[in-house]
Protein backbone atom coordinates (compact mmCIF):
# COMPACT_ATOMS: atom_id res chain seq x y z
CA MET A 1 3.23 -63.94 35.72
CA GLU A 2 4.92 -63.43 39.13
CA GLN A 3 6.47 -66.65 39.40
CA ALA A 4 7.97 -66.28 35.79
CA GLY A 5 9.64 -62.91 36.91
CA ARG A 6 6.90 -60.28 36.08
CA ASN A 7 5.09 -57.95 37.50
CA PRO A 8 1.79 -57.42 36.77
CA ASP A 9 1.63 -53.85 38.28
CA LEU A 10 4.24 -52.43 35.39
CA PRO A 11 3.42 -52.23 31.62
CA PRO A 12 4.45 -55.04 29.30
CA ASN A 13 7.42 -53.06 27.71
CA HIS A 14 8.82 -52.42 31.13
CA PRO A 15 11.97 -54.35 31.36
CA ILE A 16 10.88 -56.48 33.95
CA ASN A 17 8.16 -57.77 31.74
CA ALA A 18 9.56 -57.32 28.32
CA LEU A 19 12.64 -59.49 28.72
CA SER A 20 12.56 -63.09 29.17
CA ASN A 21 14.24 -64.78 31.91
CA ALA A 22 16.74 -66.72 29.43
CA HIS A 23 17.60 -62.89 28.00
CA LYS A 24 17.64 -61.60 31.67
CA MET A 25 20.21 -64.23 33.11
CA ALA A 26 22.50 -63.31 29.83
CA ILE A 27 22.51 -59.73 30.81
CA LEU A 28 23.37 -60.67 34.49
CA ALA A 29 25.94 -63.27 33.29
CA THR A 30 27.59 -60.16 31.02
CA LEU A 31 27.05 -57.74 34.14
CA SER A 32 28.89 -60.39 36.24
CA PHE A 33 31.56 -60.81 34.28
CA SER A 34 32.06 -57.30 33.76
CA GLY A 35 32.40 -56.37 37.23
CA CYS A 36 34.66 -59.65 37.61
CA LEU A 37 36.99 -58.50 35.05
CA MET A 38 38.36 -55.14 36.42
CA ASN A 39 38.83 -56.81 39.70
CA PHE A 40 40.79 -59.47 37.70
CA ILE A 41 42.83 -56.46 36.13
CA ILE A 42 43.69 -55.34 39.78
CA ALA A 43 44.55 -58.83 40.88
CA ILE A 44 46.24 -60.02 38.03
CA VAL A 45 49.80 -58.96 39.35
CA LEU A 46 49.38 -60.71 42.66
CA VAL A 47 52.46 -63.42 41.59
CA ALA A 48 54.18 -61.24 39.48
CA PHE A 49 56.00 -58.83 41.81
CA PRO A 50 59.75 -59.97 41.39
CA PRO A 51 59.65 -59.91 37.59
CA MET A 52 57.48 -56.51 37.54
CA GLY A 53 60.08 -55.10 40.42
CA ALA A 54 62.94 -56.08 38.37
CA ALA A 55 61.92 -54.63 34.63
CA PHE A 56 60.86 -51.32 36.75
CA ASP A 57 63.98 -51.24 38.67
CA VAL A 58 62.26 -50.73 42.15
CA SER A 59 61.87 -53.20 45.10
CA PRO A 60 58.94 -55.84 44.74
CA SER A 61 57.31 -54.63 47.72
CA ARG A 62 56.43 -51.55 45.86
CA ILE A 63 54.39 -53.46 42.90
CA PRO A 64 51.26 -54.04 45.41
CA SER A 65 50.51 -50.11 45.86
CA THR A 66 49.82 -50.14 42.23
CA ILE A 67 46.91 -52.26 43.34
CA GLY A 68 45.59 -49.24 45.39
CA TYR A 69 46.05 -46.77 42.61
CA GLN A 70 43.87 -48.68 40.42
CA LEU A 71 41.31 -49.00 43.47
CA LEU A 72 41.51 -45.25 43.98
CA GLY A 73 40.57 -44.99 40.05
CA MET A 74 37.70 -46.89 40.88
CA ALA A 75 36.76 -44.96 43.80
CA VAL A 76 36.65 -41.69 41.92
CA GLY A 77 35.40 -42.63 38.56
CA PRO A 78 31.45 -43.22 39.11
CA VAL A 79 31.26 -39.62 39.70
CA PHE A 80 31.33 -39.32 36.01
CA TRP A 81 29.71 -42.40 34.66
CA ASN A 82 26.65 -42.26 37.02
CA PRO A 83 25.38 -39.25 35.57
CA LEU A 84 25.97 -40.19 31.84
CA SER A 85 24.22 -43.63 32.99
CA ARG A 86 21.02 -41.68 34.08
CA THR A 87 20.63 -39.71 31.24
CA LEU A 88 22.19 -41.36 28.20
CA GLY A 89 21.27 -44.22 29.61
CA ARG A 90 23.02 -47.62 30.57
CA ARG A 91 23.97 -49.34 27.47
CA PRO A 92 26.09 -46.09 25.83
CA VAL A 93 28.13 -46.23 29.42
CA TYR A 94 28.65 -49.78 28.73
CA LEU A 95 29.98 -49.70 25.37
CA ILE A 96 31.95 -46.39 26.06
CA GLY A 97 33.78 -47.94 29.14
CA SER A 98 34.48 -51.02 27.54
CA VAL A 99 35.92 -49.16 24.41
CA LEU A 100 38.19 -47.08 26.37
CA SER A 101 39.62 -49.96 28.48
CA LEU A 102 41.18 -51.41 25.45
CA PRO A 103 43.81 -48.94 24.91
CA CYS A 104 44.55 -48.84 28.67
CA CYS A 105 45.27 -52.35 28.55
CA VAL A 106 47.73 -51.64 25.81
CA TRP A 107 49.30 -48.85 27.98
CA LEU A 108 49.79 -51.31 30.83
CA ALA A 109 51.59 -53.47 28.82
CA LEU A 110 53.78 -51.31 27.13
CA SER A 111 54.88 -49.52 30.26
CA ASN A 112 58.33 -48.56 30.59
CA SER A 113 58.71 -47.54 34.13
CA PHE A 114 56.99 -47.77 37.55
CA PRO A 115 55.21 -44.23 37.20
CA VAL A 116 54.14 -44.74 33.97
CA PHE A 117 52.94 -48.02 34.85
CA ALA A 118 51.03 -46.73 38.13
CA VAL A 119 49.71 -43.84 36.40
CA GLY A 120 48.43 -46.36 33.86
CA ARG A 121 46.46 -48.35 36.93
CA THR A 122 44.76 -45.28 38.01
CA VAL A 123 43.27 -44.29 34.70
CA MET A 124 42.39 -48.26 34.26
CA GLY A 125 40.62 -47.68 37.50
CA LEU A 126 38.84 -44.52 36.61
CA ILE A 127 37.77 -46.36 33.33
CA GLY A 128 36.66 -49.47 34.42
CA SER A 129 34.74 -48.14 37.69
CA PHE A 130 31.43 -47.95 35.49
CA SER A 131 31.58 -52.13 35.93
CA GLN A 132 31.36 -51.29 39.63
CA THR A 133 28.22 -49.22 39.93
CA VAL A 134 26.05 -49.10 36.81
CA PRO A 135 25.40 -52.96 36.70
CA PRO A 136 23.66 -53.14 40.03
CA ALA A 137 21.48 -50.32 38.27
CA THR A 138 20.66 -52.57 35.66
CA VAL A 139 20.10 -55.41 38.15
CA ALA A 140 17.39 -53.08 39.88
CA ASP A 141 15.91 -52.41 36.07
CA ILE A 142 14.91 -56.22 35.23
CA PHE A 143 14.24 -58.27 38.06
CA ARG A 144 11.52 -57.98 40.78
CA PRO A 145 12.26 -57.38 44.44
CA GLU A 146 11.25 -60.30 45.55
CA ILE A 147 14.65 -62.02 43.82
CA ARG A 148 16.69 -58.67 43.72
CA GLY A 149 19.10 -60.01 46.47
CA HIS A 150 19.69 -63.12 44.92
CA LYS A 151 20.59 -61.77 41.36
CA MET A 152 22.78 -58.99 43.31
CA SER A 153 24.74 -61.49 45.07
CA THR A 154 25.46 -63.49 41.66
CA TYR A 155 26.80 -60.39 40.41
CA GLY A 156 28.57 -59.80 43.86
CA VAL A 157 30.35 -62.93 44.11
CA ALA A 158 31.61 -62.73 40.76
CA VAL A 159 33.29 -59.43 42.12
CA VAL A 160 34.51 -60.83 45.11
CA ILE A 161 36.20 -63.84 43.78
CA SER A 162 37.87 -62.38 40.72
CA PRO A 163 41.14 -61.57 42.74
CA CYS A 164 40.92 -65.35 43.71
CA VAL A 165 40.86 -66.14 39.90
CA ALA A 166 43.15 -63.68 38.47
CA PRO A 167 46.77 -65.13 40.15
CA VAL A 168 46.15 -68.65 38.61
CA PHE A 169 46.10 -67.11 35.21
CA SER A 170 49.16 -65.15 36.68
CA GLY A 171 51.31 -67.76 37.61
CA LEU A 172 50.68 -69.77 34.23
CA ILE A 173 51.38 -66.78 32.06
CA VAL A 174 54.43 -65.67 34.13
CA ASP A 175 56.05 -68.79 34.70
CA LYS A 176 57.12 -69.41 30.98
CA HIS A 177 56.25 -65.82 29.57
CA SER A 178 57.24 -61.76 30.22
CA TRP A 179 54.85 -60.22 32.49
CA ARG A 180 53.56 -57.73 29.90
CA ASN A 181 51.72 -60.85 28.32
CA LEU A 182 49.64 -60.34 31.65
CA PHE A 183 47.97 -57.30 30.42
CA TRP A 184 47.57 -58.51 26.32
CA PHE A 185 45.86 -61.26 27.88
CA CYS A 186 43.49 -58.52 30.04
CA LEU A 187 42.83 -56.63 26.48
CA ALA A 188 41.61 -60.14 24.93
CA LEU A 189 39.00 -59.99 27.86
CA CYS A 190 38.18 -56.12 27.24
CA GLY A 191 37.36 -57.14 23.67
CA LEU A 192 35.30 -60.15 25.08
CA GLN A 193 33.63 -57.49 27.43
CA LEU A 194 33.10 -55.29 24.50
CA ILE A 195 31.21 -58.13 22.22
CA LEU A 196 29.34 -59.06 25.24
CA TYR A 197 27.92 -55.83 26.05
CA PHE A 198 26.96 -55.10 22.30
CA PHE A 199 25.24 -58.46 21.75
CA ILE A 200 23.70 -59.24 24.58
CA VAL A 201 22.68 -56.02 27.06
CA PRO A 202 19.87 -53.88 25.76
CA GLU A 203 19.05 -50.03 27.30
CA THR A 204 17.12 -51.08 30.40
CA LEU A 205 16.80 -47.51 31.71
CA TRP A 206 12.92 -46.64 32.33
CA VAL A 207 11.67 -43.18 31.53
CA GLU A 208 8.49 -42.59 32.88
CA ALA A 209 5.92 -40.98 30.64
CA GLU A 210 5.22 -37.20 30.97
CA SER A 211 1.59 -35.86 30.64
CA LYS A 212 0.90 -33.98 27.47
CA VAL A 213 -0.37 -30.71 26.93
CA GLU A 214 -3.18 -30.61 24.33
CA GLU A 215 -4.77 -27.18 22.65
CA ILE A 216 -8.77 -27.66 22.56
CA GLU A 217 -11.27 -24.95 20.98
CA LEU A 218 -13.57 -23.66 23.51
CA ASP A 219 -15.29 -21.81 21.17
CA LYS A 220 -14.75 -20.11 17.59
CA GLY A 221 -11.55 -18.93 17.78
CA VAL A 222 -10.85 -19.18 21.57
CA TYR A 223 -8.32 -22.01 22.33
CA ALA A 224 -7.36 -23.25 25.95
CA GLN A 225 -4.70 -25.80 26.83
CA THR A 226 -5.14 -28.84 29.18
CA GLU A 227 -3.00 -31.51 30.26
CA VAL A 228 -3.82 -35.11 29.35
CA ALA A 229 -2.82 -37.53 31.82
CA THR A 230 -0.36 -40.82 30.62
CA PRO A 231 -1.70 -43.87 31.84
CA TYR A 232 -0.31 -44.88 35.18
CA GLY A 233 3.29 -46.46 34.95
CA ALA A 234 3.20 -45.69 31.25
CA GLY A 235 7.11 -45.15 29.63
CA ARG A 236 9.72 -46.48 27.65
CA THR A 237 13.20 -47.29 27.94
CA GLY A 238 16.07 -44.94 26.37
CA VAL A 239 17.52 -41.73 26.42
CA ALA A 240 16.03 -39.65 29.42
CA TRP A 241 17.62 -36.28 28.34
CA TYR A 242 20.95 -34.91 26.88
CA PRO A 243 23.40 -33.46 29.01
CA TRP A 244 24.24 -30.75 26.83
CA ALA A 245 20.91 -29.83 26.67
CA ARG A 246 20.49 -29.31 30.07
CA PRO A 247 23.56 -28.54 31.83
CA ARG A 248 22.64 -27.44 34.79
CA GLU A 249 20.57 -30.06 35.98
CA TYR A 250 23.53 -32.59 34.81
CA LEU A 251 26.06 -30.74 37.14
CA GLY A 252 23.02 -31.40 39.77
CA LEU A 253 23.86 -35.30 39.00
CA LEU A 254 27.51 -34.94 39.09
CA TRP A 255 26.90 -33.81 42.74
CA SER A 256 24.16 -36.22 43.38
CA PRO A 257 26.50 -38.68 44.74
CA ILE A 258 28.33 -36.58 47.10
CA ALA A 259 24.91 -35.82 48.53
CA MET A 260 23.87 -39.06 48.89
CA LEU A 261 26.74 -39.40 51.86
CA ARG A 262 24.61 -37.59 54.41
CA PHE A 263 22.52 -40.58 54.83
CA ALA A 264 23.35 -42.63 57.48
CA ALA A 265 21.68 -45.62 56.26
CA ILE A 266 23.93 -45.60 53.22
CA THR A 267 27.48 -44.17 54.54
CA LEU A 268 27.65 -46.72 57.75
CA PRO A 269 26.94 -49.81 55.99
CA SER A 270 29.33 -48.72 53.05
CA PHE A 271 31.85 -47.51 55.26
CA TYR A 272 32.16 -50.60 57.48
CA TYR A 273 31.77 -53.05 54.17
CA GLY A 274 34.58 -51.06 53.00
CA SER A 275 36.67 -52.06 55.97
CA LEU A 276 35.80 -55.64 55.44
CA PHE A 277 36.81 -55.38 51.48
CA ALA A 278 40.36 -53.93 53.11
CA TRP A 279 40.91 -56.80 55.30
CA SER A 280 40.62 -59.28 51.98
CA VAL A 281 42.95 -56.79 49.59
CA GLY A 282 45.45 -57.40 52.50
CA LEU A 283 45.18 -61.07 52.79
CA THR A 284 45.81 -61.12 48.99
CA VAL A 285 48.66 -59.12 49.27
CA VAL A 286 50.37 -60.60 52.62
CA MET A 287 49.65 -64.42 51.53
CA PRO A 288 51.67 -64.34 48.16
CA GLN A 289 54.51 -62.81 49.95
CA THR A 290 54.31 -65.20 52.68
CA PHE A 291 54.18 -68.41 50.48
CA GLU A 292 56.87 -67.50 47.99
CA ASN A 293 59.32 -67.57 51.00
CA PRO A 294 60.84 -70.35 53.10
CA PRO A 295 59.31 -72.11 55.17
CA TYR A 296 56.94 -72.64 52.17
CA SER A 297 58.83 -71.60 48.97
CA PHE A 298 55.91 -72.07 46.58
CA GLY A 299 56.76 -71.91 42.86
CA THR A 300 55.35 -69.24 40.59
CA VAL A 301 52.33 -71.62 39.25
CA PRO A 302 51.14 -73.41 43.11
CA LEU A 303 50.94 -69.83 44.38
CA GLY A 304 48.64 -68.64 41.75
CA CYS A 305 46.24 -71.82 42.31
CA ALA A 306 46.57 -71.43 45.91
CA PHE A 307 44.05 -68.31 45.63
CA LEU A 308 41.44 -70.42 44.55
CA ALA A 309 40.63 -71.51 48.24
CA PHE A 310 39.96 -67.93 48.52
CA GLY A 311 37.63 -68.15 45.50
CA VAL A 312 35.96 -71.47 46.89
CA GLY A 313 34.84 -69.44 50.11
CA GLY A 314 33.64 -66.56 47.66
CA VAL A 315 31.10 -68.95 45.71
CA LEU A 316 29.99 -70.71 48.33
CA GLY A 317 29.26 -67.32 50.46
CA LYS A 318 26.91 -66.08 47.93
CA TRP A 319 24.24 -68.58 49.27
CA SER A 320 24.69 -67.30 52.88
CA GLY A 321 24.46 -63.63 51.41
CA GLY A 322 21.63 -62.73 48.66
CA LEU A 323 19.71 -65.82 49.00
CA ALA A 324 19.35 -65.90 52.46
CA GLY A 325 18.81 -62.62 52.46
CA ASP A 326 15.55 -63.00 50.45
CA LYS A 327 14.42 -65.68 52.55
CA ALA A 328 14.88 -63.44 55.76
CA VAL A 329 12.94 -60.62 53.91
CA ALA A 330 10.21 -62.79 52.80
CA TYR A 331 9.96 -64.51 56.42
CA VAL A 332 9.74 -61.42 57.97
CA GLU A 333 7.06 -59.73 55.36
CA ARG A 334 4.93 -62.96 55.95
CA ARG A 335 4.90 -62.36 59.79
CA ARG A 336 4.38 -58.56 59.65
CA GLY A 337 2.75 -57.86 56.54
CA SER A 338 5.32 -55.31 55.36
CA ARG A 339 8.90 -55.46 53.62
CA GLN A 340 11.44 -53.16 54.57
CA PRO A 341 15.33 -53.46 53.55
CA GLU A 342 16.51 -53.96 57.28
CA HIS A 343 15.23 -57.50 57.39
CA ARG A 344 17.53 -58.74 55.19
CA LEU A 345 20.20 -58.00 57.83
CA TRP A 346 18.80 -60.83 59.75
CA ALA A 347 21.03 -63.43 57.59
CA LEU A 348 24.40 -61.49 58.62
CA LEU A 349 24.13 -62.05 62.27
CA PRO A 350 25.56 -65.98 61.99
CA VAL A 351 28.26 -64.75 59.73
CA LEU A 352 29.93 -62.15 61.48
CA PRO A 353 31.62 -64.52 64.48
CA LEU A 354 33.11 -66.36 61.76
CA MET A 355 35.17 -63.26 60.52
CA LEU A 356 36.91 -62.94 64.14
CA VAL A 357 37.65 -66.74 63.65
CA ALA A 358 38.90 -67.06 60.33
CA LEU A 359 41.34 -64.16 60.75
CA LEU A 360 42.53 -64.62 64.18
CA LEU A 361 43.54 -68.34 62.41
CA VAL A 362 45.10 -67.06 59.48
CA GLY A 363 47.24 -64.69 61.91
CA LEU A 364 48.10 -67.40 64.00
CA SER A 365 49.25 -69.69 61.02
CA ILE A 366 51.45 -67.12 59.66
CA ASP A 367 53.33 -66.27 62.97
CA HIS A 368 53.97 -70.01 63.95
CA ALA A 369 54.65 -71.14 60.00
CA TRP A 370 51.67 -73.75 60.39
CA HIS A 371 50.98 -75.79 57.16
CA TRP A 372 49.92 -73.77 54.23
CA ALA A 373 46.19 -75.36 54.43
CA VAL A 374 45.54 -73.91 57.55
CA LEU A 375 46.12 -70.39 56.12
CA LEU A 376 43.95 -71.44 52.94
CA VAL A 377 41.38 -72.72 54.69
CA PHE A 378 40.68 -70.22 56.93
CA GLY A 379 41.52 -67.36 54.48
CA GLY A 380 38.40 -69.00 52.25
CA LEU A 381 36.58 -68.95 55.43
CA TYR A 382 36.87 -65.16 55.54
CA PHE A 383 36.01 -64.97 51.83
CA PHE A 384 33.10 -66.79 52.83
CA THR A 385 32.12 -64.15 55.30
CA LEU A 386 32.77 -61.73 52.76
CA SER A 387 30.98 -62.84 50.29
CA ALA A 388 27.68 -63.37 52.23
CA ALA A 389 27.99 -59.83 53.48
CA THR A 390 28.63 -58.27 50.26
CA GLY A 391 25.22 -59.80 49.17
CA VAL A 392 23.39 -58.51 52.17
CA PHE A 393 24.99 -55.30 52.32
CA GLN A 394 25.01 -54.11 48.87
CA THR A 395 21.48 -54.86 48.29
CA TYR A 396 20.43 -53.23 51.44
CA VAL A 397 22.20 -49.93 50.32
CA LEU A 398 20.65 -50.66 47.21
CA GLU A 399 17.11 -50.79 48.11
CA SER A 400 17.29 -47.95 50.90
CA TYR A 401 17.19 -45.50 48.00
CA LEU A 402 16.14 -47.26 44.78
CA GLU A 403 15.28 -44.11 42.94
CA LYS A 404 18.97 -43.29 42.89
CA SER A 405 20.70 -46.96 42.94
CA MET A 406 23.49 -45.52 41.06
CA ASP A 407 24.08 -42.96 43.42
CA THR A 408 23.89 -45.50 46.48
CA GLN A 409 26.29 -47.37 44.60
CA ALA A 410 28.58 -44.83 44.00
CA VAL A 411 29.03 -44.44 47.73
CA PHE A 412 29.39 -48.21 48.34
CA GLN A 413 31.86 -48.25 45.83
CA PHE A 414 33.84 -45.39 47.13
CA TRP A 415 34.13 -46.47 50.53
CA LYS A 416 35.14 -50.06 49.45
CA MET A 417 37.56 -48.45 46.92
CA MET A 418 39.05 -45.99 49.23
CA TRP A 419 39.56 -48.55 52.22
CA GLY A 420 41.25 -51.31 49.15
CA PHE A 421 43.54 -48.19 48.55
CA ALA A 422 44.84 -47.60 52.00
CA VAL A 423 45.30 -51.21 52.99
CA SER A 424 47.50 -51.72 50.11
CA PHE A 425 49.89 -49.44 51.49
CA PHE A 426 50.37 -50.95 55.20
CA ALA A 427 48.81 -54.66 55.21
CA MET A 428 52.11 -56.54 54.97
CA GLN A 429 54.03 -53.62 57.23
CA TRP A 430 51.16 -54.08 59.95
CA GLY A 431 51.88 -57.67 60.03
CA GLN A 432 55.67 -57.49 60.05
CA ALA A 433 55.70 -54.68 62.72
CA SER A 434 53.24 -55.99 65.33
CA GLY A 435 52.73 -59.61 64.48
CA PHE A 436 50.57 -61.13 62.40
CA THR A 437 48.35 -62.77 65.21
CA ASN A 438 48.06 -59.24 66.85
CA ALA A 439 47.23 -57.41 63.40
CA TYR A 440 44.65 -60.27 62.21
CA ALA A 441 43.33 -60.01 65.58
CA VAL A 442 42.48 -56.63 65.38
CA GLN A 443 41.01 -56.67 62.11
CA GLY A 444 38.42 -59.66 63.27
CA ALA A 445 37.78 -58.06 66.14
CA LEU A 446 36.80 -54.91 64.32
CA ALA A 447 34.80 -57.11 61.64
CA CYS A 448 33.08 -58.85 63.93
CA GLY A 449 32.32 -56.16 66.58
CA VAL A 450 31.40 -53.37 64.79
CA GLY A 451 29.54 -55.59 62.22
CA LEU A 452 27.25 -56.74 65.12
CA VAL A 453 26.69 -53.36 66.83
CA LEU A 454 26.04 -51.65 63.32
CA THR A 455 23.59 -54.63 62.11
CA VAL A 456 21.50 -54.67 65.46
CA MET A 457 21.31 -50.89 65.46
CA LEU A 458 19.98 -51.24 61.73
CA LEU A 459 17.59 -53.89 62.22
CA TRP A 460 16.28 -52.27 65.60
CA LYS A 461 16.36 -48.19 64.47
CA GLY A 462 17.09 -48.21 60.52
CA GLU A 463 13.61 -47.65 59.34
CA ALA A 464 13.27 -44.83 61.66
CA ILE A 465 16.56 -43.28 60.62
CA ARG A 466 15.41 -43.43 57.22
CA MET A 467 12.30 -41.63 57.63
CA ALA A 468 13.63 -39.01 60.00
CA GLN A 469 16.04 -38.14 57.05
CA ARG A 470 13.47 -38.38 54.65
CA MET A 471 14.27 -40.78 52.41
CA PRO A 472 11.86 -42.46 50.12
CA VAL A 473 9.63 -45.05 51.55
CA PHE A 474 10.66 -48.52 50.39
CA GLU A 475 7.93 -50.59 48.34
């Protein structure tokens, strides 16, 4: 049973046992597509800065800031989506969010001024943020802990590579058609998302059965109430309770992600990972503005295709993150007889120095106008390391407080998106002011140095820190 992905310690109707392996993989593919889609929509403008600037009568350099606005919306949105997912269930959130994204795509396609477009991007971020925090909870709902990291990395790599795939479509569309067709295309993809969620993803929120109270007759006319215990692990999937029936408790759920910030094992890795994500956002903003000018002078379609190098790195990094993390956990568990979230961090140590190498050579290639392949190769190397870090850190944060997995993911996404929001306003300006070599050397040193310190600290004292803050014991 265990080899088939089932858990004999759970009841037959639990999603881990009730769903077939094929159905689980279809669910994972849908979740990955959804996580990819919102980041795809963010990055769809990456090779359309000049025509969009002309349409809105603003400098093309202002268009990248709309990437930050959508990231800002995605940072805040989980505060609203996560409580709904924990009460009404995962499926209603997926369906409501998918439906609301449709008119937002129309808004973006029909925008006639920069402020209207910028607000639309922010709203799209708020709506689409469900795809960044609820799917990891569904992954935890349907997969055993032993393979959870590998499955999370599948979802994570889809999120990481989407900004690398979007410019290809953007270049092909903008080369022959209006930039507005970018968002009509996104509308079609959002429609596909709704169809996939409707037909493939069932409810997976597990609600444990509560003890029943029965009335028994002790003597003639004398009754007493007694609590009848339910079987261990018994429960069902579906609505836990309705928010309007317990408003005070629901307000507590709204506060829960904010309260999660107090846990060092969640906040520190999330904050650090946010910086790694920011450097990748900066790279995707700087690269098109570099390659569209001399000495490179890339056309629209080649410029879009250049981003595929980053996508290749992201795909390859999947195996260095999630799968290697699972292997590390399994190895340490065999040696020590126990399983802890920190054990997967061993998989990150060989990757961190590569971040410094990759970013430093990216900066040198821009300053010295080296062959375009140098920037693409080492930019791809950085996306390799980012994908690996995504699989490790996102699963670590998830497992550190599994009972509140969506709250942990809300913290993870908050810092990721806030860093991305900030860097979109200064990535290009930083390199132009101080030199790209200096800018990327600093980024690489922070990525490698802070990462090593944080990883070693968590390997050494992570479990003790979690226990000191009275976080749940990991099983």
